[in-house]
């Protein structure tokens, strides 16, 4: 099977709009584009690598089966650099995302994430540069953008908007302010 590639990267595996309830369901589906490279016998010199998987616009509620699903679909799971879980039903994130240390892009917009604590889980992704969270309830929380940028200082884009120097300064100020409030709160509780 021949796949046209750019820099030896295969097209993304696209499981969007497949009515998936779990990630394991994707193992029973054919992707829209690309191929299940793991099922293709590797010929000498064949180096095409899947680096992106789209699971957007489904009904996925959790990510606990992410690692076994990706491992079943692609030859080199650590090469995954982009995952799209936009427009699903995620209410929390899973540490399984941390099994993809080369992830640079993560789309999570249009889900049901409510707590900024979920963002803290992503701090274990050192290469993460692009993140989308808009369209989640947590976007309406005070200091949302500052918190995310303070927690994930390596981001270059948040919610399809470039991170500016002013954004970084605001995030740093927000972090300092919150840190002072936390210290004062601890002192007040200790005094009681």
N, C-alpha and C. Protein backbone atom coordinates (compact mmCIF):
# COMPACT_ATOMS: atom_id res chain seq x y z
N UNK A 1 0.84 -1.16 0.00
CA UNK A 1 0.00 0.00 0.00
C UNK A 1 0.89 1.23 0.00
N UNK A 2 0.59 2.19 -0.83
CA UNK A 2 1.39 3.40 -0.93
C UNK A 2 0.59 4.57 -0.36
N UNK A 3 1.24 5.34 0.49
CA UNK A 3 0.61 6.51 1.07
C UNK A 3 1.49 7.70 0.76
N UNK A 4 0.89 8.76 0.20
CA UNK A 4 1.68 9.97 -0.04
C UNK A 4 1.94 10.63 1.30
N UNK A 5 3.18 10.95 1.53
CA UNK A 5 3.53 11.53 2.82
C UNK A 5 4.37 12.77 2.63
N UNK A 6 4.43 13.55 3.68
CA UNK A 6 5.30 14.71 3.75
C UNK A 6 6.25 14.45 4.90
N UNK A 7 7.53 14.41 4.64
CA UNK A 7 8.52 14.15 5.67
C UNK A 7 8.26 12.83 6.40
N UNK A 8 7.85 11.82 5.68
CA UNK A 8 7.62 10.49 6.21
C UNK A 8 6.50 10.42 7.24
N UNK A 9 5.60 11.38 7.24
CA UNK A 9 4.45 11.34 8.14
C UNK A 9 3.24 10.90 7.35
N UNK A 10 2.56 9.89 7.88
CA UNK A 10 1.32 9.45 7.26
C UNK A 10 0.21 10.44 7.59
N UNK A 11 -0.86 10.44 6.82
CA UNK A 11 -1.99 11.32 7.15
C UNK A 11 -2.55 10.95 8.52
N UNK A 12 -3.25 11.89 9.17
CA UNK A 12 -3.85 11.56 10.46
C UNK A 12 -4.85 10.43 10.33
N UNK A 13 -4.92 9.61 11.37
CA UNK A 13 -6.01 8.64 11.45
C UNK A 13 -7.23 9.44 11.88
N UNK A 14 -8.30 9.38 11.11
CA UNK A 14 -9.45 10.23 11.34
C UNK A 14 -10.67 9.38 11.72
N UNK A 15 -10.99 9.40 13.01
CA UNK A 15 -12.17 8.69 13.52
C UNK A 15 -13.27 9.67 13.91
N UNK A 16 -13.27 10.84 13.28
CA UNK A 16 -14.29 11.84 13.58
C UNK A 16 -15.65 11.41 13.02
N UNK A 17 -16.70 11.85 13.69
CA UNK A 17 -18.08 11.59 13.28
C UNK A 17 -18.37 10.10 13.10
N UNK A 18 -17.85 9.28 13.99
CA UNK A 18 -18.05 7.82 13.90
C UNK A 18 -18.99 7.31 14.98
N UNK A 19 -19.59 8.20 15.76
CA UNK A 19 -20.48 7.81 16.86
C UNK A 19 -19.78 6.90 17.87
N UNK A 20 -18.52 7.17 18.14
CA UNK A 20 -17.76 6.38 19.10
C UNK A 20 -18.16 6.78 20.52
N UNK A 21 -18.44 5.78 21.35
CA UNK A 21 -18.72 6.02 22.77
C UNK A 21 -17.46 5.85 23.60
N UNK A 22 -16.56 4.98 23.12
CA UNK A 22 -15.28 4.76 23.80
C UNK A 22 -14.17 4.77 22.76
N UNK A 23 -12.97 4.93 23.21
CA UNK A 23 -11.84 4.89 22.28
C UNK A 23 -11.63 3.48 21.74
N UNK A 24 -11.95 2.50 22.53
CA UNK A 24 -11.84 1.11 22.08
C UNK A 24 -12.73 0.85 20.87
N UNK A 25 -13.84 1.57 20.77
CA UNK A 25 -14.73 1.42 19.61
C UNK A 25 -14.01 1.72 18.30
N UNK A 26 -12.97 2.55 18.35
CA UNK A 26 -12.25 2.90 17.13
C UNK A 26 -11.52 1.70 16.53
N UNK A 27 -11.27 0.68 17.34
CA UNK A 27 -10.58 -0.51 16.84
C UNK A 27 -11.45 -1.31 15.90
N UNK A 28 -12.74 -1.07 15.95
CA UNK A 28 -13.69 -1.76 15.07
C UNK A 28 -14.08 -0.93 13.86
N UNK A 29 -13.54 0.27 13.75
CA UNK A 29 -13.89 1.19 12.67
C UNK A 29 -12.71 1.39 11.73
N UNK A 30 -13.02 1.71 10.52
CA UNK A 30 -12.00 2.15 9.56
C UNK A 30 -11.89 3.65 9.66
N UNK A 31 -10.68 4.17 9.71
CA UNK A 31 -10.55 5.63 9.77
C UNK A 31 -11.00 6.27 8.46
N UNK A 32 -11.40 7.52 8.53
CA UNK A 32 -11.84 8.24 7.33
C UNK A 32 -10.72 8.40 6.33
N UNK A 33 -9.52 8.75 6.82
CA UNK A 33 -8.37 8.92 5.94
C UNK A 33 -7.20 8.24 6.61
N UNK A 34 -6.16 7.98 5.87
CA UNK A 34 -5.01 7.32 6.45
C UNK A 34 -5.22 5.82 6.45
N UNK A 35 -4.44 5.14 7.21
CA UNK A 35 -4.54 3.69 7.25
C UNK A 35 -4.08 3.20 8.61
N UNK A 36 -4.53 2.04 8.97
CA UNK A 36 -4.05 1.41 10.19
C UNK A 36 -2.68 0.82 9.87
N UNK A 37 -1.66 1.63 10.00
CA UNK A 37 -0.32 1.21 9.60
C UNK A 37 0.14 -0.05 10.30
N UNK A 38 -0.36 -0.30 11.48
CA UNK A 38 0.07 -1.49 12.21
C UNK A 38 -0.35 -2.75 11.46
N UNK A 39 -1.43 -2.67 10.69
CA UNK A 39 -1.91 -3.83 9.94
C UNK A 39 -1.20 -4.02 8.60
N UNK A 40 -0.43 -3.02 8.18
CA UNK A 40 0.27 -3.09 6.90
C UNK A 40 1.65 -3.68 7.13
N UNK A 41 2.01 -4.75 6.40
CA UNK A 41 3.36 -5.28 6.59
C UNK A 41 4.40 -4.23 6.22
N UNK A 42 5.33 -4.02 7.13
CA UNK A 42 6.36 -3.03 6.88
C UNK A 42 7.40 -3.58 5.92
N UNK A 43 7.61 -2.86 4.85
CA UNK A 43 8.63 -3.25 3.90
C UNK A 43 9.93 -2.55 4.25
N UNK A 44 11.00 -3.09 3.78
CA UNK A 44 12.29 -2.47 4.05
C UNK A 44 12.27 -1.03 3.53
N UNK A 45 12.69 -0.13 4.38
CA UNK A 45 12.74 1.27 3.98
C UNK A 45 11.44 2.01 4.18
N UNK A 46 10.37 1.33 4.62
CA UNK A 46 9.08 1.97 4.84
C UNK A 46 9.13 2.69 6.18
N UNK A 47 9.03 4.01 6.16
CA UNK A 47 9.21 4.76 7.40
C UNK A 47 8.04 5.69 7.71
N UNK A 48 6.92 5.56 7.02
CA UNK A 48 5.79 6.44 7.27
C UNK A 48 5.27 6.22 8.69
N UNK A 49 5.06 7.31 9.40
CA UNK A 49 4.67 7.24 10.79
C UNK A 49 3.43 8.09 11.03
N UNK A 50 2.44 7.50 11.68
CA UNK A 50 1.25 8.25 12.08
C UNK A 50 1.63 9.10 13.29
N UNK A 51 1.38 10.41 13.20
CA UNK A 51 1.69 11.32 14.30
C UNK A 51 0.44 12.02 14.82
N UNK A 52 -0.71 11.81 14.18
CA UNK A 52 -1.93 12.50 14.58
C UNK A 52 -3.13 11.57 14.49
N UNK A 53 -4.02 11.71 15.47
CA UNK A 53 -5.26 10.93 15.48
C UNK A 53 -6.41 11.87 15.85
N UNK A 54 -7.47 11.80 15.06
CA UNK A 54 -8.66 12.63 15.29
C UNK A 54 -9.79 11.76 15.82
N UNK A 55 -10.27 12.13 17.00
CA UNK A 55 -11.43 11.48 17.62
C UNK A 55 -12.54 12.49 17.83
N UNK A 56 -12.51 13.60 17.11
CA UNK A 56 -13.47 14.67 17.32
C UNK A 56 -14.89 14.31 16.88
N UNK A 57 -15.85 15.02 17.46
CA UNK A 57 -17.27 14.89 17.12
C UNK A 57 -17.79 13.47 17.31
N UNK A 58 -17.55 12.95 18.49
CA UNK A 58 -18.09 11.65 18.89
C UNK A 58 -18.78 11.82 20.24
N UNK A 59 -18.95 10.74 20.97
CA UNK A 59 -19.59 10.78 22.30
C UNK A 59 -18.68 10.17 23.34
N UNK A 60 -17.40 10.42 23.22
CA UNK A 60 -16.41 9.83 24.13
C UNK A 60 -16.49 10.52 25.49
N UNK A 61 -16.62 9.71 26.56
CA UNK A 61 -16.77 10.24 27.92
C UNK A 61 -15.48 10.19 28.72
N UNK A 62 -14.57 9.29 28.36
CA UNK A 62 -13.35 9.14 29.15
C UNK A 62 -12.18 8.70 28.26
N UNK A 63 -10.99 8.89 28.80
CA UNK A 63 -9.77 8.60 28.04
C UNK A 63 -8.97 7.44 28.62
N UNK A 64 -9.56 6.69 29.53
CA UNK A 64 -8.81 5.63 30.22
C UNK A 64 -8.29 4.55 29.27
N UNK A 65 -8.95 4.36 28.14
CA UNK A 65 -8.50 3.34 27.18
C UNK A 65 -7.67 3.94 26.04
N UNK A 66 -7.15 5.13 26.24
CA UNK A 66 -6.38 5.81 25.19
C UNK A 66 -5.11 5.04 24.80
N UNK A 67 -4.29 4.68 25.76
CA UNK A 67 -3.02 4.04 25.44
C UNK A 67 -3.21 2.70 24.72
N UNK A 68 -4.05 1.79 25.23
CA UNK A 68 -4.21 0.54 24.49
C UNK A 68 -4.81 0.74 23.09
N UNK A 69 -5.69 1.72 22.95
CA UNK A 69 -6.30 1.96 21.63
C UNK A 69 -5.26 2.47 20.64
N UNK A 70 -4.49 3.47 21.04
CA UNK A 70 -3.46 4.02 20.15
C UNK A 70 -2.41 2.96 19.84
N UNK A 71 -2.02 2.20 20.84
CA UNK A 71 -1.01 1.16 20.65
C UNK A 71 -1.48 0.11 19.64
N UNK A 72 -2.77 -0.15 19.61
CA UNK A 72 -3.32 -1.10 18.65
C UNK A 72 -3.41 -0.54 17.24
N UNK A 73 -3.42 0.78 17.11
CA UNK A 73 -3.63 1.41 15.82
C UNK A 73 -2.36 1.82 15.08
N UNK A 74 -1.33 2.20 15.82
CA UNK A 74 -0.15 2.76 15.16
C UNK A 74 1.12 2.00 15.53
N UNK A 75 2.09 2.08 14.64
CA UNK A 75 3.35 1.37 14.82
C UNK A 75 4.17 1.97 15.94
N UNK A 76 4.22 3.31 16.02
CA UNK A 76 5.06 3.98 17.01
C UNK A 76 4.22 4.98 17.82
N UNK A 77 3.57 4.52 18.89
CA UNK A 77 2.71 5.42 19.66
C UNK A 77 3.42 6.64 20.24
N UNK A 78 4.70 6.53 20.54
CA UNK A 78 5.40 7.68 21.10
C UNK A 78 5.61 8.79 20.07
N UNK A 79 5.37 8.49 18.80
CA UNK A 79 5.48 9.52 17.76
C UNK A 79 4.24 10.41 17.69
N UNK A 80 3.19 10.05 18.41
CA UNK A 80 1.96 10.85 18.37
C UNK A 80 2.27 12.25 18.90
N UNK A 81 1.94 13.25 18.05
CA UNK A 81 2.19 14.63 18.44
C UNK A 81 0.92 15.48 18.43
N UNK A 82 -0.18 14.91 17.94
CA UNK A 82 -1.42 15.67 17.85
C UNK A 82 -2.59 14.74 18.09
N UNK A 83 -3.44 15.10 19.06
CA UNK A 83 -4.68 14.38 19.32
C UNK A 83 -5.83 15.38 19.33
N UNK A 84 -6.92 15.00 18.69
CA UNK A 84 -8.09 15.86 18.61
C UNK A 84 -9.27 15.16 19.28
N UNK A 85 -9.67 15.66 20.45
CA UNK A 85 -10.84 15.15 21.18
C UNK A 85 -11.92 16.20 21.25
N UNK A 86 -11.92 17.16 20.34
CA UNK A 86 -12.91 18.23 20.38
C UNK A 86 -14.31 17.67 20.14
N UNK A 87 -15.28 18.34 20.74
CA UNK A 87 -16.70 18.03 20.58
C UNK A 87 -17.01 16.58 20.95
N UNK A 88 -16.63 16.23 22.18
CA UNK A 88 -17.01 14.95 22.78
C UNK A 88 -17.70 15.26 24.09
N UNK A 89 -17.73 14.31 25.00
CA UNK A 89 -18.41 14.49 26.28
C UNK A 89 -17.46 14.31 27.46
N UNK A 90 -16.21 14.73 27.30
CA UNK A 90 -15.22 14.57 28.35
C UNK A 90 -15.52 15.52 29.51
N UNK A 91 -15.53 14.97 30.73
CA UNK A 91 -15.72 15.79 31.93
C UNK A 91 -14.43 15.90 32.72
N UNK A 92 -13.49 15.02 32.43
CA UNK A 92 -12.18 15.07 33.08
C UNK A 92 -11.13 14.49 32.16
N UNK A 93 -9.89 14.82 32.45
CA UNK A 93 -8.78 14.31 31.67
C UNK A 93 -8.16 13.13 32.40
N UNK A 94 -7.35 12.39 31.70
CA UNK A 94 -6.77 11.17 32.26
C UNK A 94 -5.26 11.27 32.13
N UNK A 95 -4.55 10.70 33.08
CA UNK A 95 -3.09 10.71 33.03
C UNK A 95 -2.54 9.93 31.84
N UNK A 96 -3.39 9.18 31.16
CA UNK A 96 -2.94 8.44 29.97
C UNK A 96 -2.41 9.39 28.90
N UNK A 97 -2.87 10.63 28.90
CA UNK A 97 -2.35 11.62 27.94
C UNK A 97 -0.85 11.82 28.10
N UNK A 98 -0.36 11.60 29.30
CA UNK A 98 1.07 11.81 29.58
C UNK A 98 1.95 10.73 28.96
N UNK A 99 1.33 9.70 28.41
CA UNK A 99 2.09 8.63 27.76
C UNK A 99 2.54 9.02 26.35
N UNK A 100 2.22 10.25 25.95
CA UNK A 100 2.59 10.74 24.63
C UNK A 100 3.48 11.98 24.80
N UNK A 101 4.74 11.76 25.17
CA UNK A 101 5.64 12.86 25.54
C UNK A 101 5.96 13.81 24.39
N UNK A 102 5.70 13.40 23.16
CA UNK A 102 5.99 14.26 22.01
C UNK A 102 4.77 15.05 21.54
N UNK A 103 3.69 15.02 22.33
CA UNK A 103 2.47 15.72 21.94
C UNK A 103 2.70 17.23 21.94
N UNK A 104 2.45 17.83 20.78
CA UNK A 104 2.59 19.28 20.64
C UNK A 104 1.23 19.96 20.54
N UNK A 105 0.20 19.22 20.10
CA UNK A 105 -1.11 19.79 19.86
C UNK A 105 -2.19 18.91 20.47
N UNK A 106 -3.06 19.53 21.26
CA UNK A 106 -4.15 18.80 21.90
C UNK A 106 -5.41 19.65 21.81
N UNK A 107 -6.42 19.13 21.11
CA UNK A 107 -7.70 19.82 20.96
C UNK A 107 -8.70 19.19 21.91
N UNK A 108 -9.21 20.00 22.83
CA UNK A 108 -10.19 19.54 23.81
C UNK A 108 -11.42 20.45 23.84
N UNK A 109 -11.54 21.36 22.87
CA UNK A 109 -12.65 22.29 22.88
C UNK A 109 -13.99 21.58 22.66
N UNK A 110 -15.05 22.20 23.20
CA UNK A 110 -16.39 21.67 23.00
C UNK A 110 -16.67 20.41 23.80
N UNK A 111 -16.09 20.29 24.99
CA UNK A 111 -16.37 19.16 25.88
C UNK A 111 -17.09 19.68 27.11
N UNK A 112 -17.02 18.95 28.21
CA UNK A 112 -17.71 19.33 29.44
C UNK A 112 -16.74 19.47 30.61
N UNK A 113 -15.50 19.90 30.33
CA UNK A 113 -14.50 20.07 31.38
C UNK A 113 -14.88 21.27 32.24
N UNK A 114 -14.98 21.04 33.56
CA UNK A 114 -15.47 22.09 34.46
C UNK A 114 -14.41 22.65 35.39
N UNK A 115 -13.36 21.90 35.66
CA UNK A 115 -12.39 22.31 36.66
C UNK A 115 -11.04 22.66 36.04
N UNK A 116 -10.47 23.77 36.52
CA UNK A 116 -9.14 24.15 36.06
C UNK A 116 -8.09 23.16 36.53
N UNK A 117 -8.41 22.36 37.53
CA UNK A 117 -7.46 21.33 37.99
C UNK A 117 -7.16 20.32 36.89
N UNK A 118 -8.07 20.16 35.95
CA UNK A 118 -7.82 19.24 34.83
C UNK A 118 -6.63 19.72 34.00
N UNK A 119 -6.46 21.04 33.92
CA UNK A 119 -5.35 21.61 33.16
C UNK A 119 -4.01 21.23 33.79
N UNK A 120 -3.97 21.13 35.10
CA UNK A 120 -2.73 20.79 35.80
C UNK A 120 -2.18 19.45 35.32
N UNK A 121 -3.06 18.52 34.97
CA UNK A 121 -2.62 17.21 34.48
C UNK A 121 -1.75 17.32 33.23
N UNK A 122 -1.98 18.36 32.45
CA UNK A 122 -1.27 18.52 31.18
C UNK A 122 0.14 19.07 31.36
N UNK A 123 0.49 19.48 32.56
CA UNK A 123 1.83 20.03 32.79
C UNK A 123 2.92 18.97 32.60
N UNK A 124 2.53 17.71 32.53
CA UNK A 124 3.49 16.63 32.26
C UNK A 124 3.76 16.41 30.78
N UNK A 125 3.27 17.30 29.93
CA UNK A 125 3.51 17.21 28.48
C UNK A 125 4.49 18.32 28.10
N UNK A 126 5.78 18.05 28.14
CA UNK A 126 6.79 19.10 27.95
C UNK A 126 6.80 19.73 26.56
N UNK A 127 6.29 19.04 25.56
CA UNK A 127 6.34 19.56 24.18
C UNK A 127 5.04 20.26 23.77
N UNK A 128 4.04 20.28 24.65
CA UNK A 128 2.73 20.84 24.30
C UNK A 128 2.86 22.33 23.97
N UNK A 129 2.46 22.70 22.75
CA UNK A 129 2.55 24.09 22.30
C UNK A 129 1.19 24.67 21.92
N UNK A 130 0.24 23.80 21.55
CA UNK A 130 -1.07 24.25 21.11
C UNK A 130 -2.14 23.48 21.88
N UNK A 131 -3.04 24.23 22.51
CA UNK A 131 -4.11 23.63 23.31
C UNK A 131 -5.39 24.39 23.06
N UNK A 132 -6.50 23.66 22.92
CA UNK A 132 -7.81 24.30 22.84
C UNK A 132 -8.68 23.77 23.97
N UNK A 133 -9.31 24.70 24.67
CA UNK A 133 -10.23 24.35 25.77
C UNK A 133 -11.52 25.16 25.69
N UNK A 134 -11.62 26.09 24.74
CA UNK A 134 -12.82 26.91 24.65
C UNK A 134 -14.04 26.03 24.42
N UNK A 135 -15.20 26.54 24.83
CA UNK A 135 -16.42 25.76 24.68
C UNK A 135 -16.60 24.73 25.78
N UNK A 136 -15.76 24.76 26.80
CA UNK A 136 -15.92 23.95 28.01
C UNK A 136 -16.41 24.88 29.12
N UNK A 137 -17.15 24.36 30.11
CA UNK A 137 -17.59 25.22 31.21
C UNK A 137 -16.44 25.94 31.93
N UNK A 138 -15.25 25.33 31.98
CA UNK A 138 -14.13 25.96 32.68
C UNK A 138 -13.69 27.27 32.04
N UNK A 139 -14.04 27.48 30.79
CA UNK A 139 -13.67 28.72 30.10
C UNK A 139 -14.31 29.95 30.76
N UNK A 140 -15.44 29.76 31.42
CA UNK A 140 -16.16 30.87 32.05
C UNK A 140 -15.61 31.22 33.43
N UNK A 141 -14.68 30.45 33.95
CA UNK A 141 -14.13 30.71 35.28
C UNK A 141 -13.21 31.92 35.26
N UNK A 142 -13.23 32.69 36.35
CA UNK A 142 -12.35 33.85 36.47
C UNK A 142 -10.90 33.42 36.33
N UNK A 143 -10.15 34.17 35.55
CA UNK A 143 -8.72 33.91 35.39
C UNK A 143 -8.40 32.69 34.56
N UNK A 144 -9.37 32.21 33.79
CA UNK A 144 -9.17 31.00 32.97
C UNK A 144 -7.89 31.07 32.13
N UNK A 145 -7.78 32.08 31.28
CA UNK A 145 -6.63 32.15 30.37
C UNK A 145 -5.32 32.31 31.14
N UNK A 146 -5.33 33.14 32.17
CA UNK A 146 -4.12 33.34 32.96
C UNK A 146 -3.70 32.05 33.68
N UNK A 147 -4.68 31.34 34.21
CA UNK A 147 -4.37 30.08 34.90
C UNK A 147 -3.75 29.07 33.95
N UNK A 148 -4.37 28.91 32.78
CA UNK A 148 -3.86 27.93 31.81
C UNK A 148 -2.44 28.29 31.39
N UNK A 149 -2.22 29.55 31.07
CA UNK A 149 -0.88 29.97 30.62
C UNK A 149 0.14 29.93 31.76
N UNK A 150 -0.29 30.18 32.97
CA UNK A 150 0.61 30.06 34.11
C UNK A 150 0.97 28.62 34.42
N UNK A 151 0.03 27.73 34.18
CA UNK A 151 0.24 26.30 34.44
C UNK A 151 1.03 25.64 33.32
N UNK A 152 0.82 26.12 32.09
CA UNK A 152 1.47 25.54 30.91
C UNK A 152 2.25 26.63 30.18
N UNK A 153 3.38 27.06 30.74
CA UNK A 153 4.10 28.20 30.18
C UNK A 153 4.71 27.96 28.79
N UNK A 154 4.77 26.73 28.34
CA UNK A 154 5.36 26.45 27.02
C UNK A 154 4.36 26.63 25.88
N UNK A 155 3.08 26.90 26.20
CA UNK A 155 2.08 27.08 25.14
C UNK A 155 2.40 28.28 24.26
N UNK A 156 2.22 28.09 22.96
CA UNK A 156 2.37 29.16 21.98
C UNK A 156 0.99 29.62 21.48
N UNK A 157 0.01 28.69 21.56
CA UNK A 157 -1.36 29.00 21.16
C UNK A 157 -2.33 28.41 22.16
N UNK A 158 -3.33 29.20 22.53
CA UNK A 158 -4.41 28.73 23.38
C UNK A 158 -5.72 29.13 22.74
N UNK A 159 -6.56 28.17 22.51
CA UNK A 159 -7.87 28.41 21.89
C UNK A 159 -7.76 29.10 20.54
N UNK A 160 -6.84 28.65 19.73
CA UNK A 160 -6.59 29.16 18.38
C UNK A 160 -6.15 30.62 18.38
N UNK A 161 -5.63 31.09 19.49
CA UNK A 161 -5.14 32.46 19.59
C UNK A 161 -3.69 32.41 20.06
N UNK A 162 -2.82 33.14 19.37
CA UNK A 162 -1.41 33.16 19.76
C UNK A 162 -1.25 33.75 21.15
N UNK A 163 -0.28 33.21 21.87
CA UNK A 163 0.03 33.72 23.20
C UNK A 163 0.99 34.89 23.04
N UNK A 164 0.61 36.03 23.58
CA UNK A 164 1.41 37.25 23.45
C UNK A 164 2.28 37.45 24.69
N UNK A 165 3.20 38.41 24.58
CA UNK A 165 4.02 38.78 25.74
C UNK A 165 3.13 39.29 26.87
N UNK A 166 2.10 40.04 26.52
CA UNK A 166 1.17 40.55 27.53
C UNK A 166 0.43 39.41 28.21
N UNK A 167 0.03 38.39 27.43
CA UNK A 167 -0.61 37.21 28.03
C UNK A 167 0.31 36.57 29.06
N UNK A 168 1.58 36.46 28.71
CA UNK A 168 2.56 35.84 29.63
C UNK A 168 2.72 36.68 30.90
N UNK A 169 2.78 38.00 30.73
CA UNK A 169 2.90 38.89 31.89
C UNK A 169 1.65 38.78 32.77
N UNK A 170 0.47 38.77 32.16
CA UNK A 170 -0.77 38.64 32.92
C UNK A 170 -0.81 37.31 33.67
N UNK A 171 -0.36 36.25 33.03
CA UNK A 171 -0.35 34.92 33.65
C UNK A 171 0.60 34.90 34.85
N UNK A 172 1.74 35.52 34.69
CA UNK A 172 2.71 35.57 35.79
C UNK A 172 2.17 36.38 36.96
N UNK A 173 1.55 37.53 36.67
CA UNK A 173 0.94 38.34 37.72
C UNK A 173 -0.19 37.58 38.42
N UNK A 174 -1.00 36.90 37.65
CA UNK A 174 -2.11 36.11 38.19
C UNK A 174 -1.57 35.02 39.13
N UNK A 175 -0.52 34.38 38.70
CA UNK A 175 0.10 33.31 39.49
C UNK A 175 0.62 33.86 40.82
N UNK A 176 1.28 35.01 40.77
CA UNK A 176 1.80 35.63 42.00
C UNK A 176 0.65 36.03 42.92
N UNK A 177 -0.38 36.63 42.37
CA UNK A 177 -1.54 37.06 43.15
C UNK A 177 -2.21 35.87 43.83
N UNK A 178 -2.41 34.81 43.08
CA UNK A 178 -3.04 33.60 43.64
C UNK A 178 -2.16 32.97 44.70
N UNK A 179 -0.87 33.00 44.50
CA UNK A 179 0.07 32.45 45.47
C UNK A 179 -0.01 33.22 46.78
N UNK A 180 -0.08 34.55 46.70
CA UNK A 180 -0.20 35.38 47.90
C UNK A 180 -1.51 35.09 48.61
N UNK A 181 -2.60 34.96 47.86
CA UNK A 181 -3.90 34.67 48.46
C UNK A 181 -3.88 33.32 49.18
N UNK A 182 -3.22 32.33 48.57
CA UNK A 182 -3.13 31.00 49.19
C UNK A 182 -2.35 31.08 50.49
N UNK A 183 -1.23 31.82 50.50
CA UNK A 183 -0.41 31.96 51.72
C UNK A 183 -1.21 32.65 52.82
N UNK A 184 -1.94 33.71 52.46
CA UNK A 184 -2.74 34.43 53.43
C UNK A 184 -3.85 33.55 53.98
N UNK A 185 -4.46 32.76 53.13
CA UNK A 185 -5.52 31.87 53.55
C UNK A 185 -4.99 30.83 54.52
N UNK A 186 -3.81 30.29 54.25
CA UNK A 186 -3.19 29.31 55.15
C UNK A 186 -2.86 29.93 56.48
N UNK A 187 -2.34 31.18 56.49
CA UNK A 187 -2.03 31.87 57.74
C UNK A 187 -3.29 32.09 58.56
N UNK A 188 -4.38 32.50 57.89
CA UNK A 188 -5.64 32.74 58.59
C UNK A 188 -6.19 31.46 59.20
N UNK A 189 -6.09 30.36 58.49
CA UNK A 189 -6.56 29.08 59.02
C UNK A 189 -5.71 28.62 60.18
N UNK A 190 -4.40 28.86 60.09
CA UNK A 190 -3.49 28.47 61.17
C UNK A 190 -3.74 29.30 62.43
N UNK A 191 -4.15 30.55 62.26
CA UNK A 191 -4.41 31.44 63.39
C UNK A 191 -5.71 31.08 64.10
N UNK A 192 -6.62 30.42 63.43
CA UNK A 192 -7.93 30.07 64.01
C UNK A 192 -7.85 28.94 64.98
